[in-house]
PDB file of N, CA and C in Angstrom:
ATOM      1  N   MET A   1      35.687   0.446-116.493  1.00  0.00           N
ATOM      2  CA  MET A   1      36.178  -0.458-117.521  1.00  0.00           C
ATOM      3  C   MET A   1      37.679  -0.624-117.372  1.00  0.00           C
ATOM      4  N   VAL A   2      38.160  -1.847-117.431  1.00  0.00           N
ATOM      5  CA  VAL A   2      39.581  -2.151-117.326  1.00  0.00           C
ATOM      6  C   VAL A   2      40.128  -2.329-118.734  1.00  0.00           C
ATOM      7  N   PRO A   3      41.324  -1.758-119.048  1.00  0.00           N
ATOM      8  CA  PRO A   3      41.862  -1.840-120.399  1.00  0.00           C
ATOM      9  C   PRO A   3      41.952  -3.263-120.936  1.00  0.00           C
ATOM     10  N   ILE A   4      42.552  -4.146-120.204  1.00  0.00           N
ATOM     11  CA  ILE A   4      42.590  -5.550-120.593  1.00  0.00           C
ATOM     12  C   ILE A   4      42.491  -6.389-119.327  1.00  0.00           C
ATOM     13  N   PRO A   5      42.030  -7.606-119.432  1.00  0.00           N
ATOM     14  CA  PRO A   5      41.915  -8.453-118.246  1.00  0.00           C
ATOM     15  C   PRO A   5      43.256  -8.629-117.558  1.00  0.00           C
ATOM     16  N   GLY A   6      43.219  -8.706-116.256  1.00  0.00           N
ATOM     17  CA  GLY A   6      44.434  -8.954-115.497  1.00  0.00           C
ATOM     18  C   GLY A   6      44.854  -7.812-114.602  1.00  0.00           C
ATOM     19  N   ALA A   7      44.197  -6.665-114.678  1.00  0.00           N
ATOM     20  CA  ALA A   7      44.595  -5.519-113.852  1.00  0.00           C
ATOM     21  C   ALA A   7      44.512  -5.854-112.370  1.00  0.00           C
ATOM     22  N   GLU A   8      43.536  -6.661-112.001  1.00  0.00           N
ATOM     23  CA  GLU A   8      43.374  -7.010-110.591  1.00  0.00           C
ATOM     24  C   GLU A   8      44.499  -7.911-110.081  1.00  0.00           C
ATOM     25  N   LEU A   9      45.271  -8.492-110.983  1.00  0.00           N
ATOM     26  CA  LEU A   9      46.377  -9.371-110.597  1.00  0.00           C
ATOM     27  C   LEU A   9      47.714  -8.641-110.479  1.00  0.00           C
ATOM     28  N   VAL A  10      47.726  -7.355-110.795  1.00  0.00           N
ATOM     29  CA  VAL A  10      48.969  -6.581-110.765  1.00  0.00           C
ATOM     30  C   VAL A  10      49.233  -6.105-109.338  1.00  0.00           C
ATOM     31  N   HIS A  11      50.334  -6.594-108.759  1.00  0.00           N
ATOM     32  CA  HIS A  11      50.696  -6.212-107.391  1.00  0.00           C
ATOM     33  C   HIS A  11      52.145  -5.775-107.265  1.00  0.00           C
ATOM     34  N   ARG A  12      52.949  -6.060-108.271  1.00  0.00           N
ATOM     35  CA  ARG A  12      54.375  -5.723-108.225  1.00  0.00           C
ATOM     36  C   ARG A  12      54.747  -4.894-109.448  1.00  0.00           C
ATOM     37  N   PRO A  13      55.821  -4.110-109.334  1.00  0.00           N
ATOM     38  CA  PRO A  13      56.226  -3.245-110.440  1.00  0.00           C
ATOM     39  C   PRO A  13      56.461  -3.973-111.761  1.00  0.00           C
ATOM     40  N   LEU A  14      57.101  -5.113-111.753  1.00  0.00           N
ATOM     41  CA  LEU A  14      57.352  -5.838-112.995  1.00  0.00           C
ATOM     42  C   LEU A  14      56.041  -6.296-113.642  1.00  0.00           C
ATOM     43  N   GLN A  15      55.099  -6.724-112.821  1.00  0.00           N
ATOM     44  CA  GLN A  15      53.780  -7.102-113.343  1.00  0.00           C
ATOM     45  C   GLN A  15      53.105  -5.895-113.995  1.00  0.00           C
ATOM     46  N   LEU A  16      53.231  -4.742-113.347  1.00  0.00           N
ATOM     47  CA  LEU A  16      52.651  -3.522-113.897  1.00  0.00           C
ATOM     48  C   LEU A  16      53.291  -3.180-115.233  1.00  0.00           C
ATOM     49  N   TYR A  17      54.601  -3.264-115.306  1.00  0.00           N
ATOM     50  CA  TYR A  17      55.329  -2.948-116.536  1.00  0.00           C
ATOM     51  C   TYR A  17      54.835  -3.820-117.692  1.00  0.00           C
ATOM     52  N   ARG A  18      54.746  -5.111-117.465  1.00  0.00           N
ATOM     53  CA  ARG A  18      54.273  -6.036-118.498  1.00  0.00           C
ATOM     54  C   ARG A  18      52.819  -5.756-118.882  1.00  0.00           C
ATOM     55  N   TYR A  19      51.996  -5.488-117.876  1.00  0.00           N
ATOM     56  CA  TYR A  19      50.586  -5.189-118.106  1.00  0.00           C
ATOM     57  C   TYR A  19      50.434  -3.948-118.992  1.00  0.00           C
ATOM     58  N   LEU A  20      51.184  -2.892-118.678  1.00  0.00           N
ATOM     59  CA  LEU A  20      51.076  -1.658-119.452  1.00  0.00           C
ATOM     60  C   LEU A  20      51.562  -1.844-120.886  1.00  0.00           C
ATOM     61  N   LEU A  21      52.617  -2.628-121.062  1.00  0.00           N
ATOM     62  CA  LEU A  21      53.083  -2.894-122.426  1.00  0.00           C
ATOM     63  C   LEU A  21      52.054  -3.694-123.224  1.00  0.00           C
ATOM     64  N   ARG A  22      51.353  -4.618-122.552  1.00  0.00           N
ATOM     65  CA  ARG A  22      50.274  -5.352-123.234  1.00  0.00           C
ATOM     66  C   ARG A  22      49.143  -4.404-123.625  1.00  0.00           C
ATOM     67  N   CYS A  23      48.853  -3.443-122.764  1.00  0.00           N
ATOM     68  CA  CYS A  23      47.828  -2.440-123.103  1.00  0.00           C
ATOM     69  C   CYS A  23      48.234  -1.673-124.356  1.00  0.00           C
ATOM     70  N   CYS A  24      49.493  -1.330-124.470  1.00  0.00           N
ATOM     71  CA  CYS A  24      49.974  -0.566-125.626  1.00  0.00           C
ATOM     72  C   CYS A  24      49.708  -1.293-126.937  1.00  0.00           C
ATOM     73  N   ARG A  25      49.800  -2.609-126.916  1.00  0.00           N
ATOM     74  CA  ARG A  25      49.584  -3.384-128.136  1.00  0.00           C
ATOM     75  C   ARG A  25      48.176  -3.228-128.692  1.00  0.00           C
ATOM     76  N   GLN A  26      47.245  -2.791-127.854  1.00  0.00           N
ATOM     77  CA  GLN A  26      45.863  -2.635-128.292  1.00  0.00           C
ATOM     78  C   GLN A  26      45.575  -1.258-128.874  1.00  0.00           C
ATOM     79  N   LEU A  27      46.505  -0.340-128.765  1.00  0.00           N
ATOM     80  CA  LEU A  27      46.279   1.000-129.300  1.00  0.00           C
ATOM     81  C   LEU A  27      46.226   0.947-130.822  1.00  0.00           C
ATOM     82  N   PRO A  28      45.433   1.832-131.433  1.00  0.00           N
ATOM     83  CA  PRO A  28      45.163   1.725-132.862  1.00  0.00           C
ATOM     84  C   PRO A  28      46.328   2.020-133.807  1.00  0.00           C
ATOM     85  N   SER A  29      47.282   2.845-133.426  1.00  0.00           N
ATOM     86  CA  SER A  29      48.362   3.157-134.367  1.00  0.00           C
ATOM     87  C   SER A  29      49.731   2.871-133.761  1.00  0.00           C
ATOM     88  N   GLU A  30      50.669   2.588-134.638  1.00  0.00           N
ATOM     89  CA  GLU A  30      52.050   2.319-134.220  1.00  0.00           C
ATOM     90  C   GLU A  30      52.646   3.542-133.522  1.00  0.00           C
ATOM     91  N   THR A  31      52.298   4.730-133.992  1.00  0.00           N
ATOM     92  CA  THR A  31      52.808   5.963-133.388  1.00  0.00           C
ATOM     93  C   THR A  31      52.353   6.089-131.943  1.00  0.00           C
ATOM     94  N   MET A  32      51.081   5.833-131.689  1.00  0.00           N
ATOM     95  CA  MET A  32      50.564   5.871-130.311  1.00  0.00           C
ATOM     96  C   MET A  32      51.236   4.811-129.451  1.00  0.00           C
ATOM     97  N   GLN A  33      51.385   3.623-130.005  1.00  0.00           N
ATOM     98  CA  GLN A  33      52.019   2.541-129.253  1.00  0.00           C
ATOM     99  C   GLN A  33      53.422   2.937-128.829  1.00  0.00           C
ATOM    100  N   GLN A  34      54.197   3.482-129.758  1.00  0.00           N
ATOM    101  CA  GLN A  34      55.570   3.876-129.446  1.00  0.00           C
ATOM    102  C   GLN A  34      55.608   5.016-128.432  1.00  0.00           C
ATOM    103  N   HIS A  35      54.689   5.960-128.561  1.00  0.00           N
ATOM    104  CA  HIS A  35      54.627   7.087-127.626  1.00  0.00           C
ATOM    105  C   HIS A  35      54.396   6.591-126.197  1.00  0.00           C
ATOM    106  N   TYR A  36      53.389   5.741-126.016  1.00  0.00           N
ATOM    107  CA  TYR A  36      53.067   5.267-124.677  1.00  0.00           C
ATOM    108  C   TYR A  36      54.110   4.289-124.137  1.00  0.00           C
ATOM    109  N   LYS A  37      54.718   3.491-124.985  1.00  0.00           N
ATOM    110  CA  LYS A  37      55.807   2.623-124.528  1.00  0.00           C
ATOM    111  C   LYS A  37      56.964   3.460-123.991  1.00  0.00           C
ATOM    112  N   HIS A  38      57.280   4.539-124.700  1.00  0.00           N
ATOM    113  CA  HIS A  38      58.350   5.436-124.244  1.00  0.00           C
ATOM    114  C   HIS A  38      57.969   6.058-122.892  1.00  0.00           C
ATOM    115  N   ALA A  39      56.730   6.505-122.759  1.00  0.00           N
ATOM    116  CA  ALA A  39      56.274   7.113-121.509  1.00  0.00           C
ATOM    117  C   ALA A  39      56.326   6.108-120.353  1.00  0.00           C
ATOM    118  N   ILE A  40      55.971   4.863-120.623  1.00  0.00           N
ATOM    119  CA  ILE A  40      56.019   3.821-119.594  1.00  0.00           C
ATOM    120  C   ILE A  40      57.458   3.603-119.135  1.00  0.00           C
ATOM    121  N   ARG A  41      58.369   3.484-120.086  1.00  0.00           N
ATOM    122  CA  ARG A  41      59.783   3.283-119.731  1.00  0.00           C
ATOM    123  C   ARG A  41      60.319   4.441-118.904  1.00  0.00           C
ATOM    124  N   GLN A  42      59.985   5.662-119.305  1.00  0.00           N
ATOM    125  CA  GLN A  42      60.444   6.844-118.576  1.00  0.00           C
ATOM    126  C   GLN A  42      59.894   6.843-117.150  1.00  0.00           C
ATOM    127  N   SER A  43      58.636   6.520-116.984  1.00  0.00           N
ATOM    128  CA  SER A  43      58.035   6.491-115.649  1.00  0.00           C
ATOM    129  C   SER A  43      58.702   5.456-114.761  1.00  0.00           C
ATOM    130  N   PHE A  44      59.022   4.319-115.342  1.00  0.00           N
ATOM    131  CA  PHE A  44      59.693   3.295-114.539  1.00  0.00           C
ATOM    132  C   PHE A  44      61.088   3.732-114.135  1.00  0.00           C
ATOM    133  N   ARG A  45      61.780   4.442-114.998  1.00  0.00           N
ATOM    134  CA  ARG A  45      63.106   4.967-114.639  1.00  0.00           C
ATOM    135  C   ARG A  45      63.003   5.987-113.509  1.00  0.00           C
ATOM    136  N   VAL A  46      62.009   6.843-113.577  1.00  0.00           N
ATOM    137  CA  VAL A  46      61.825   7.883-112.556  1.00  0.00           C
ATOM    138  C   VAL A  46      61.548   7.257-111.190  1.00  0.00           C
ATOM    139  N   HIS A  47      60.764   6.185-111.161  1.00  0.00           N
ATOM    140  CA  HIS A  47      60.352   5.573-109.895  1.00  0.00           C
ATOM    141  C   HIS A  47      61.191   4.355-109.504  1.00  0.00           C
ATOM    142  N   ALA A  48      62.277   4.103-110.196  1.00  0.00           N
ATOM    143  CA  ALA A  48      63.080   2.896-109.955  1.00  0.00           C
ATOM    144  C   ALA A  48      63.626   2.804-108.530  1.00  0.00           C
ATOM    145  N   ASP A  49      63.889   3.925-107.895  1.00  0.00           N
ATOM    146  CA  ASP A  49      64.476   3.890-106.550  1.00  0.00           C
ATOM    147  C   ASP A  49      63.427   3.936-105.438  1.00  0.00           C
ATOM    148  N   GLU A  50      62.167   3.866-105.783  1.00  0.00           N
ATOM    149  CA  GLU A  50      61.091   3.879-104.780  1.00  0.00           C
ATOM    150  C   GLU A  50      61.140   2.578-103.984  1.00  0.00           C
ATOM    151  N   ASP A  51      61.158   2.689-102.651  1.00  0.00           N
ATOM    152  CA  ASP A  51      61.229   1.483-101.832  1.00  0.00           C
ATOM    153  C   ASP A  51      60.126   1.395-100.778  1.00  0.00           C
ATOM    154  N   ASP A  52      59.248   2.377-100.705  1.00  0.00           N
ATOM    155  CA  ASP A  52      58.136   2.355 -99.765  1.00  0.00           C
ATOM    156  C   ASP A  52      56.992   1.523-100.366  1.00  0.00           C
ATOM    157  N   PRO A  53      56.657   0.381 -99.747  1.00  0.00           N
ATOM    158  CA  PRO A  53      55.625  -0.496-100.302  1.00  0.00           C
ATOM    159  C   PRO A  53      54.271   0.201-100.495  1.00  0.00           C
ATOM    160  N   GLU A  54      53.909   1.060 -99.584  1.00  0.00           N
ATOM    161  CA  GLU A  54      52.632   1.767 -99.712  1.00  0.00           C
ATOM    162  C   GLU A  54      52.645   2.710-100.914  1.00  0.00           C
ATOM    163  N   ARG A  55      53.746   3.421-101.092  1.00  0.00           N
ATOM    164  CA  ARG A  55      53.874   4.326-102.233  1.00  0.00           C
ATOM    165  C   ARG A  55      53.883   3.536-103.549  1.00  0.00           C
ATOM    166  N   ILE A  56      54.538   2.397-103.574  1.00  0.00           N
ATOM    167  CA  ILE A  56      54.573   1.553-104.765  1.00  0.00           C
ATOM    168  C   ILE A  56      53.153   1.130-105.145  1.00  0.00           C
ATOM    169  N   GLN A  57      52.356   0.747-104.150  1.00  0.00           N
ATOM    170  CA  GLN A  57      50.974   0.352-104.430  1.00  0.00           C
ATOM    171  C   GLN A  57      50.155   1.530-104.949  1.00  0.00           C
ATOM    172  N   GLN A  58      50.401   2.727-104.423  1.00  0.00           N
ATOM    173  CA  GLN A  58      49.715   3.920-104.923  1.00  0.00           C
ATOM    174  C   GLN A  58      50.072   4.174-106.388  1.00  0.00           C
ATOM    175  N   ILE A  59      51.351   4.028-106.715  1.00  0.00           N
ATOM    176  CA  ILE A  59      51.808   4.236-108.096  1.00  0.00           C
ATOM    177  C   ILE A  59      51.158   3.207-109.024  1.00  0.00           C
ATOM    178  N   ILE A  60      51.115   1.955-108.591  1.00  0.00           N
ATOM    179  CA  ILE A  60      50.507   0.895-109.393  1.00  0.00           C
ATOM    180  C   ILE A  60      49.027   1.199-109.637  1.00  0.00           C
ATOM    181  N   LYS A  61      48.308   1.572-108.577  1.00  0.00           N
ATOM    182  CA  LYS A  61      46.876   1.877-108.701  1.00  0.00           C
ATOM    183  C   LYS A  61      46.662   3.031-109.674  1.00  0.00           C
ATOM    184  N   ARG A  62      47.449   4.073-109.543  1.00  0.00           N
ATOM    185  CA  ARG A  62      47.294   5.240-110.421  1.00  0.00           C
ATOM    186  C   ARG A  62      47.638   4.893-111.868  1.00  0.00           C
ATOM    187  N   ALA A  63      48.676   4.096-112.071  1.00  0.00           N
ATOM    188  CA  ALA A  63      49.077   3.718-113.428  1.00  0.00           C
ATOM    189  C   ALA A  63      47.983   2.910-114.116  1.00  0.00           C
ATOM    190  N   ILE A  64      47.332   2.026-113.387  1.00  0.00           N
ATOM    191  CA  ILE A  64      46.238   1.236-113.960  1.00  0.00           C
ATOM    192  C   ILE A  64      45.051   2.144-114.292  1.00  0.00           C
ATOM    193  N   GLU A  65      44.744   3.085-113.402  1.00  0.00           N
ATOM    194  CA  GLU A  65      43.667   4.037-113.684  1.00  0.00           C
ATOM    195  C   GLU A  65      43.988   4.874-114.920  1.00  0.00           C
ATOM    196  N   ASP A  66      45.224   5.321-115.026  1.00  0.00           N
ATOM    197  CA  ASP A  66      45.635   6.112-116.190  1.00  0.00           C
ATOM    198  C   ASP A  66      45.561   5.284-117.473  1.00  0.00           C
ATOM    199  N   ALA A  67      45.983   4.026-117.393  1.00  0.00           N
ATOM    200  CA  ALA A  67      45.918   3.152-118.563  1.00  0.00           C
ATOM    201  C   ALA A  67      44.465   2.940-118.983  1.00  0.00           C
ATOM    202  N   ASP A  68      43.592   2.794-118.013  1.00  0.00           N
ATOM    203  CA  ASP A  68      42.172   2.644-118.292  1.00  0.00           C
ATOM    204  C   ASP A  68      41.654   3.861-119.054  1.00  0.00           C
ATOM    205  N   TRP A  69      42.016   5.046-118.602  1.00  0.00           N
ATOM    206  CA  TRP A  69      41.574   6.281-119.247  1.00  0.00           C
ATOM    207  C   TRP A  69      42.112   6.369-120.677  1.00  0.00           C
ATOM    208  N   VAL A  70      43.401   6.098-120.847  1.00  0.00           N
ATOM    209  CA  VAL A  70      44.019   6.180-122.171  1.00  0.00           C
ATOM    210  C   VAL A  70      43.362   5.184-123.124  1.00  0.00           C
ATOM    211  N   MET A  71      43.180   3.966-122.674  1.00  0.00           N
ATOM    212  CA  MET A  71      42.588   2.947-123.532  1.00  0.00           C
ATOM    213  C   MET A  71      41.152   3.312-123.886  1.00  0.00           C
ATOM    214  N   ASP A  72      40.396   3.777-122.919  1.00  0.00           N
ATOM    215  CA  ASP A  72      39.007   4.148-123.162  1.00  0.00           C
ATOM    216  C   ASP A  72      38.929   5.287-124.178  1.00  0.00           C
ATOM    217  N   LYS A  73      39.750   6.286-124.017  1.00  0.00           N
ATOM    218  CA  LYS A  73      39.726   7.436-124.923  1.00  0.00           C
ATOM    219  C   LYS A  73      40.215   7.078-126.328  1.00  0.00           C
ATOM    220  N   ASN A  74      41.216   6.265-126.419  1.00  0.00           N
ATOM    221  CA  ASN A  74      41.763   5.920-127.737  1.00  0.00           C
ATOM    222  C   ASN A  74      40.953   4.876-128.484  1.00  0.00           C
ATOM    223  N   LEU A  75      40.356   3.960-127.775  1.00  0.00           N
ATOM    224  CA  LEU A  75      39.605   2.903-128.453  1.00  0.00           C
ATOM    225  C   LEU A  75      38.174   3.309-128.769  1.00  0.00           C
ATOM    226  N   THR A  76      37.640   4.271-127.992  1.00  0.00           N
ATOM    227  CA  THR A  76      36.284   4.726-128.285  1.00  0.00           C
ATOM    228  C   THR A  76      36.285   5.983-129.135  1.00  0.00           C
ATOM    229  N   GLY A  77      37.434   6.644-129.215  1.00  0.00           N
ATOM    230  CA  GLY A  77      37.541   7.835-130.048  1.00  0.00           C
ATOM    231  C   GLY A  77      36.954   9.082-129.429  1.00  0.00           C
ATOM    232  N   THR A  78      36.731   9.068-128.109  1.00  0.00           N
ATOM    233  CA  THR A  78      36.188  10.259-127.436  1.00  0.00           C
ATOM    234  C   THR A  78      37.299  10.949-126.663  1.00  0.00           C
ATOM    235  N   PHE A  79      37.708  12.090-127.143  1.00  0.00           N
ATOM    236  CA  PHE A  79      38.780  12.836-126.477  1.00  0.00           C
ATOM    237  C   PHE A  79      38.214  13.987-125.732  1.00  0.00           C
TER     238      PHE A  79
END
């Protein structure tokens, strides 16, 4: 299950950033939304100097998988 439509169109870091922020809007509480938005910003700061295209694609793939897990767990209520 994909958190929201469009994951297959994410190929660049900026697209990923926007996609993840859109996912946050679907979380049930403002507290969760703020928590994950902060985590997304921090992750982007940590990886800002990454310049290996293969590594960037790995990071994008993992981030989408992680977003899928978070959305599935939070929206279905199964932790």
